[in-house]
C-alpha atoms as a PDB file:
ATOM      1  CA  UNK A   1       5.147 -17.916  17.662  1.00  0.00           C
ATOM      2  CA  UNK A   2       3.946 -20.158  14.816  1.00  0.00           C
ATOM      3  CA  UNK A   3       0.332 -21.217  14.932  1.00  0.00           C
ATOM      4  CA  UNK A   4      -1.350 -24.235  13.335  1.00  0.00           C
ATOM      5  CA  UNK A   5      -1.955 -22.424  10.037  1.00  0.00           C
ATOM      6  CA  UNK A   6       1.785 -22.096   9.389  1.00  0.00           C
ATOM      7  CA  UNK A   7       1.869 -18.381   9.976  1.00  0.00           C
ATOM      8  CA  UNK A   8       4.134 -16.608  12.403  1.00  0.00           C
ATOM      9  CA  UNK A   9       2.177 -14.383  14.756  1.00  0.00           C
ATOM     10  CA  UNK A  10       3.958 -11.119  15.508  1.00  0.00           C
ATOM     11  CA  UNK A  11       3.228  -7.725  17.024  1.00  0.00           C
ATOM     12  CA  UNK A  12       3.475  -4.591  14.897  1.00  0.00           C
ATOM     13  CA  UNK A  13       6.864  -3.811  16.525  1.00  0.00           C
ATOM     14  CA  UNK A  14       8.166  -7.318  15.781  1.00  0.00           C
ATOM     15  CA  UNK A  15       6.944  -7.049  12.175  1.00  0.00           C
ATOM     16  CA  UNK A  16       8.679  -3.679  11.881  1.00  0.00           C
ATOM     17  CA  UNK A  17      11.971  -5.219  13.075  1.00  0.00           C
ATOM     18  CA  UNK A  18      11.609  -8.117  10.605  1.00  0.00           C
ATOM     19  CA  UNK A  19      10.837  -5.830   7.658  1.00  0.00           C
ATOM     20  CA  UNK A  20      13.617  -3.357   8.481  1.00  0.00           C
ATOM     21  CA  UNK A  21      16.180  -6.176   8.593  1.00  0.00           C
ATOM     22  CA  UNK A  22      15.294  -7.728   5.227  1.00  0.00           C
ATOM     23  CA  UNK A  23      18.043  -7.396   2.633  1.00  0.00           C
ATOM     24  CA  UNK A  24      18.001  -5.305  -0.526  1.00  0.00           C
ATOM     25  CA  UNK A  25      16.928  -6.879  -3.785  1.00  0.00           C
ATOM     26  CA  UNK A  26      13.577  -6.821  -5.552  1.00  0.00           C
ATOM     27  CA  UNK A  27      11.139  -9.381  -4.253  1.00  0.00           C
ATOM     28  CA  UNK A  28       7.440 -10.097  -4.403  1.00  0.00           C
ATOM     29  CA  UNK A  29       5.191 -10.204  -1.363  1.00  0.00           C
ATOM     30  CA  UNK A  30       1.533 -10.875  -0.719  1.00  0.00           C
ATOM     31  CA  UNK A  31      -0.041  -8.289   1.556  1.00  0.00           C
ATOM     32  CA  UNK A  32      -3.359  -8.170   3.373  1.00  0.00           C
ATOM     33  CA  UNK A  33      -3.813  -4.587   4.497  1.00  0.00           C
ATOM     34  CA  UNK A  34      -6.506  -3.073   6.687  1.00  0.00           C
ATOM     35  CA  UNK A  35      -6.806   0.666   6.287  1.00  0.00           C
ATOM     36  CA  UNK A  36      -9.207   3.474   7.067  1.00  0.00           C
ATOM     37  CA  UNK A  37      -9.539   5.670   3.970  1.00  0.00           C
ATOM     38  CA  UNK A  38     -10.082   9.385   4.395  1.00  0.00           C
ATOM     39  CA  UNK A  39     -13.671  10.367   3.692  1.00  0.00           C
ATOM     40  CA  UNK A  40     -15.468  13.595   2.984  1.00  0.00           C
ATOM     41  CA  UNK A  41     -17.521  15.147   5.781  1.00  0.00           C
ATOM     42  CA  UNK A  42     -20.642  15.064   3.605  1.00  0.00           C
ATOM     43  CA  UNK A  43     -21.957  12.690   0.962  1.00  0.00           C
ATOM     44  CA  UNK A  44     -21.163  14.311  -2.400  1.00  0.00           C
ATOM     45  CA  UNK A  45     -24.576  13.300  -3.765  1.00  0.00           C
ATOM     46  CA  UNK A  46     -27.008  13.843  -0.885  1.00  0.00           C
ATOM     47  CA  UNK A  47     -25.000  16.557   0.944  1.00  0.00           C
ATOM     48  CA  UNK A  48     -25.887  14.770   4.204  1.00  0.00           C
ATOM     49  CA  UNK A  49     -23.282  14.683   6.964  1.00  0.00           C
ATOM     50  CA  UNK A  50     -21.214  11.509   7.011  1.00  0.00           C
ATOM     51  CA  UNK A  51     -20.443  10.225  10.513  1.00  0.00           C
ATOM     52  CA  UNK A  52     -19.871   6.532   9.859  1.00  0.00           C
ATOM     53  CA  UNK A  53     -16.503   4.771   9.718  1.00  0.00           C
ATOM     54  CA  UNK A  54     -15.316   2.989   6.586  1.00  0.00           C
ATOM     55  CA  UNK A  55     -12.489   0.472   6.592  1.00  0.00           C
ATOM     56  CA  UNK A  56     -10.909  -1.229   3.620  1.00  0.00           C
ATOM     57  CA  UNK A  57      -9.437  -4.736   3.530  1.00  0.00           C
ATOM     58  CA  UNK A  58      -7.239  -5.314   0.479  1.00  0.00           C
ATOM     59  CA  UNK A  59      -5.289  -8.400  -0.561  1.00  0.00           C
ATOM     60  CA  UNK A  60      -2.702  -7.905  -3.277  1.00  0.00           C
ATOM     61  CA  UNK A  61       0.673  -8.950  -4.606  1.00  0.00           C
ATOM     62  CA  UNK A  62       3.350  -6.269  -4.498  1.00  0.00           C
ATOM     63  CA  UNK A  63       6.909  -5.672  -5.615  1.00  0.00           C
ATOM     64  CA  UNK A  64       9.274  -4.556  -2.852  1.00  0.00           C
ATOM     65  CA  UNK A  65      12.688  -2.904  -3.165  1.00  0.00           C
ATOM     66  CA  UNK A  66      11.948  -1.316  -6.501  1.00  0.00           C
ATOM     67  CA  UNK A  67      12.298   2.360  -7.334  1.00  0.00           C
ATOM     68  CA  UNK A  68       9.407   4.465  -8.556  1.00  0.00           C
ATOM     69  CA  UNK A  69      11.451   6.570 -11.000  1.00  0.00           C
ATOM     70  CA  UNK A  70      12.979   3.429 -12.552  1.00  0.00           C
ATOM     71  CA  UNK A  71       9.500   1.945 -13.024  1.00  0.00           C
ATOM     72  CA  UNK A  72       8.304   5.089 -14.805  1.00  0.00           C
ATOM     73  CA  UNK A  73      11.413   5.245 -17.000  1.00  0.00           C
ATOM     74  CA  UNK A  74      11.122   1.541 -17.893  1.00  0.00           C
ATOM     75  CA  UNK A  75       7.475   2.108 -18.886  1.00  0.00           C
ATOM     76  CA  UNK A  76       8.499   5.093 -21.018  1.00  0.00           C
ATOM     77  CA  UNK A  77      11.056   2.813 -22.733  1.00  0.00           C
ATOM     78  CA  UNK A  78       8.342   0.195 -23.396  1.00  0.00           C
ATOM     79  CA  UNK A  79       6.180   2.924 -24.920  1.00  0.00           C
ATOM     80  CA  UNK A  80       9.121   4.263 -27.022  1.00  0.00           C
ATOM     81  CA  UNK A  81       8.959   7.622 -25.271  1.00  0.00           C
ATOM     82  CA  UNK A  82      11.756   9.876 -24.091  1.00  0.00           C
ATOM     83  CA  UNK A  83      12.599  10.030 -20.377  1.00  0.00           C
ATOM     84  CA  UNK A  84      12.075  13.793 -20.519  1.00  0.00           C
ATOM     85  CA  UNK A  85       8.315  13.042 -20.549  1.00  0.00           C
ATOM     86  CA  UNK A  86       8.648  12.231 -16.827  1.00  0.00           C
ATOM     87  CA  UNK A  87       8.455  15.250 -14.548  1.00  0.00           C
ATOM     88  CA  UNK A  88       9.316  14.164 -11.013  1.00  0.00           C
ATOM     89  CA  UNK A  89       6.794  15.488  -8.508  1.00  0.00           C
ATOM     90  CA  UNK A  90       7.168  16.295  -4.829  1.00  0.00           C
ATOM     91  CA  UNK A  91       7.369  13.372  -2.414  1.00  0.00           C
ATOM     92  CA  UNK A  92       4.684  14.093   0.177  1.00  0.00           C
ATOM     93  CA  UNK A  93       5.714  11.206   2.425  1.00  0.00           C
ATOM     94  CA  UNK A  94       9.502  11.152   2.584  1.00  0.00           C
ATOM     95  CA  UNK A  95      10.580   7.895   4.225  1.00  0.00           C
ATOM     96  CA  UNK A  96      13.756   7.737   6.320  1.00  0.00           C
ATOM     97  CA  UNK A  97      15.689   4.552   5.536  1.00  0.00           C
ATOM     98  CA  UNK A  98      18.661   5.147   7.875  1.00  0.00           C
ATOM     99  CA  UNK A  99      17.650   2.264  10.190  1.00  0.00           C
ATOM    100  CA  UNK A 100      16.817  -0.103   7.318  1.00  0.00           C
ATOM    101  CA  UNK A 101      18.756  -2.801   5.495  1.00  0.00           C
ATOM    102  CA  UNK A 102      16.611  -2.209   2.375  1.00  0.00           C
ATOM    103  CA  UNK A 103      14.809   0.533   0.462  1.00  0.00           C
ATOM    104  CA  UNK A 104      11.221  -0.513   1.082  1.00  0.00           C
ATOM    105  CA  UNK A 105      10.780  -0.222   4.855  1.00  0.00           C
ATOM    106  CA  UNK A 106      11.603   2.860   6.860  1.00  0.00           C
ATOM    107  CA  UNK A 107      10.069   5.522   9.064  1.00  0.00           C
ATOM    108  CA  UNK A 108       7.825   8.512   8.486  1.00  0.00           C
ATOM    109  CA  UNK A 109       7.274  10.786  11.471  1.00  0.00           C
ATOM    110  CA  UNK A 110       8.293   7.998  13.838  1.00  0.00           C
ATOM    111  CA  UNK A 111       6.011   5.358  12.302  1.00  0.00           C
ATOM    112  CA  UNK A 112       7.192   2.317  10.355  1.00  0.00           C
ATOM    113  CA  UNK A 113       6.124   2.404   6.699  1.00  0.00           C
ATOM    114  CA  UNK A 114       6.636   0.181   3.675  1.00  0.00           C
ATOM    115  CA  UNK A 115       6.545   1.414   0.106  1.00  0.00           C
ATOM    116  CA  UNK A 116       5.627  -0.874  -2.732  1.00  0.00           C
ATOM    117  CA  UNK A 117       4.545  -1.136  -6.311  1.00  0.00           C
ATOM    118  CA  UNK A 118       1.375  -3.166  -6.845  1.00  0.00           C
ATOM    119  CA  UNK A 119       2.308  -6.068  -9.121  1.00  0.00           C
ATOM    120  CA  UNK A 120       0.952  -5.419 -12.626  1.00  0.00           C
ATOM    121  CA  UNK A 121      -0.307  -8.952 -13.244  1.00  0.00           C
ATOM    122  CA  UNK A 122      -2.176  -9.448  -9.993  1.00  0.00           C
ATOM    123  CA  UNK A 123      -5.729  -8.520  -9.270  1.00  0.00           C
ATOM    124  CA  UNK A 124      -6.287  -7.102  -5.808  1.00  0.00           C
ATOM    125  CA  UNK A 125      -9.399  -8.064  -3.908  1.00  0.00           C
ATOM    126  CA  UNK A 126     -10.965  -5.356  -1.802  1.00  0.00           C
ATOM    127  CA  UNK A 127     -13.712  -5.472   0.777  1.00  0.00           C
ATOM    128  CA  UNK A 128     -15.283  -2.497   2.497  1.00  0.00           C
ATOM    129  CA  UNK A 129     -16.571  -2.457   6.053  1.00  0.00           C
ATOM    130  CA  UNK A 130     -18.862   0.357   7.170  1.00  0.00           C
ATOM    131  CA  UNK A 131     -19.772   0.569  10.848  1.00  0.00           C
ATOM    132  CA  UNK A 132     -18.437  -2.984  11.356  1.00  0.00           C
ATOM    133  CA  UNK A 133     -20.605  -4.465   8.565  1.00  0.00           C
ATOM    134  CA  UNK A 134     -19.311  -5.831   5.265  1.00  0.00           C
ATOM    135  CA  UNK A 135     -20.731  -3.477   2.617  1.00  0.00           C
ATOM    136  CA  UNK A 136     -20.553  -3.545  -1.187  1.00  0.00           C
ATOM    137  CA  UNK A 137     -18.631  -0.576  -2.539  1.00  0.00           C
ATOM    138  CA  UNK A 138     -21.583   0.504  -4.673  1.00  0.00           C
ATOM    139  CA  UNK A 139     -23.744   0.695  -1.518  1.00  0.00           C
ATOM    140  CA  UNK A 140     -21.343   3.089   0.234  1.00  0.00           C
ATOM    141  CA  UNK A 141     -22.180   6.786   0.302  1.00  0.00           C
ATOM    142  CA  UNK A 142     -20.172   8.937  -2.094  1.00  0.00           C
ATOM    143  CA  UNK A 143     -17.516   9.898   0.475  1.00  0.00           C
ATOM    144  CA  UNK A 144     -14.378   8.006  -0.612  1.00  0.00           C
ATOM    145  CA  UNK A 145     -11.484   9.812  -2.301  1.00  0.00           C
ATOM    146  CA  UNK A 146     -11.881  10.313  -6.032  1.00  0.00           C
ATOM    147  CA  UNK A 147      -9.315   8.679  -8.279  1.00  0.00           C
ATOM    148  CA  UNK A 148      -7.120  10.755 -10.509  1.00  0.00           C
ATOM    149  CA  UNK A 149      -4.420   9.644 -12.902  1.00  0.00           C
ATOM    150  CA  UNK A 150      -0.838  10.789 -12.440  1.00  0.00           C
ATOM    151  CA  UNK A 151      -0.172  13.638 -14.858  1.00  0.00           C
ATOM    152  CA  UNK A 152       3.621  13.832 -14.457  1.00  0.00           C
ATOM    153  CA  UNK A 153       4.687  10.374 -15.672  1.00  0.00           C
ATOM    154  CA  UNK A 154       4.277  10.901 -19.418  1.00  0.00           C
ATOM    155  CA  UNK A 155       3.223   7.248 -19.747  1.00  0.00           C
ATOM    156  CA  UNK A 156       0.086   5.787 -21.284  1.00  0.00           C
ATOM    157  CA  UNK A 157       0.039   3.073 -18.625  1.00  0.00           C
ATOM    158  CA  UNK A 158       0.207   4.556 -15.142  1.00  0.00           C
ATOM    159  CA  UNK A 159       2.843   3.260 -12.728  1.00  0.00           C
ATOM    160  CA  UNK A 160       1.329   2.916  -9.277  1.00  0.00           C
ATOM    161  CA  UNK A 161       3.297   3.429  -6.080  1.00  0.00           C
ATOM    162  CA  UNK A 162       1.884   3.023  -2.587  1.00  0.00           C
ATOM    163  CA  UNK A 163       2.983   3.558   0.994  1.00  0.00           C
ATOM    164  CA  UNK A 164       1.510   1.654   3.915  1.00  0.00           C
ATOM    165  CA  UNK A 165       1.977   1.937   7.654  1.00  0.00           C
ATOM    166  CA  UNK A 166       3.269  -1.362   9.057  1.00  0.00           C
ATOM    167  CA  UNK A 167       0.584  -1.222  11.757  1.00  0.00           C
ATOM    168  CA  UNK A 168      -1.999  -1.569   8.922  1.00  0.00           C
ATOM    169  CA  UNK A 169      -0.491  -4.802   7.613  1.00  0.00           C
ATOM    170  CA  UNK A 170      -2.729  -7.632   8.761  1.00  0.00           C
ATOM    171  CA  UNK A 171      -0.660 -10.303   7.000  1.00  0.00           C
ATOM    172  CA  UNK A 172       2.374 -10.312   4.755  1.00  0.00           C
ATOM    173  CA  UNK A 173       3.954 -13.286   3.000  1.00  0.00           C
ATOM    174  CA  UNK A 174       7.506 -12.552   2.031  1.00  0.00           C
ATOM    175  CA  UNK A 175      10.283 -14.963   1.075  1.00  0.00           C
ATOM    176  CA  UNK A 176       7.842 -17.845   1.650  1.00  0.00           C
ATOM    177  CA  UNK A 177       7.095 -16.882   5.259  1.00  0.00           C
ATOM    178  CA  UNK A 178       3.639 -15.675   6.313  1.00  0.00           C
ATOM    179  CA  UNK A 179       3.590 -13.139   9.142  1.00  0.00           C
ATOM    180  CA  UNK A 180       0.339 -12.236  10.891  1.00  0.00           C
ATOM    181  CA  UNK A 181       0.188  -8.960  12.784  1.00  0.00           C
ATOM    182  CA  UNK A 182      -1.874  -9.864  15.850  1.00  0.00           C
ATOM    183  CA  UNK A 183      -2.418  -6.188  16.662  1.00  0.00           C
ATOM    184  CA  UNK A 184      -4.114  -5.358  13.350  1.00  0.00           C
ATOM    185  CA  UNK A 185      -7.737  -6.305  13.817  1.00  0.00           C
END
């Protein structure tokens, strides 16, 4: 169903069907994702127990249907480095693409997942919500995952690769069509 804002409202299952049926070929998409990051049980600074809920709303442009290893090797080429610098690590979230027309949407443990590369020349916007209140990141307790750089790529510029459950896609604009997942609140 298309609403007045020109977006097509879909359920998570309908969005899964749409994404699985998209053809191969690299393409850009704009994604609004709503996730719940893992947190530590205690604040790293105060050592107090953390019982609140943090959610993260991120808007970004992504590249779909690309391959991680190719991105790393292309970056090594740009940096005039040998491909042997790249040591492929273990894939901790192996996606099954047998029901897919493409190589960006598949299933992991029965759940629909997309994999993407954040577009290098876009600047994601992120908002944090703690206990249903918009909260600045610097006002959050020190409970979010720490960031660490990939050590196996051999590149100076890190190549990012992300996986996202389809149920956590609030909106996605792909091939000029904006889909809104009405089940992702």
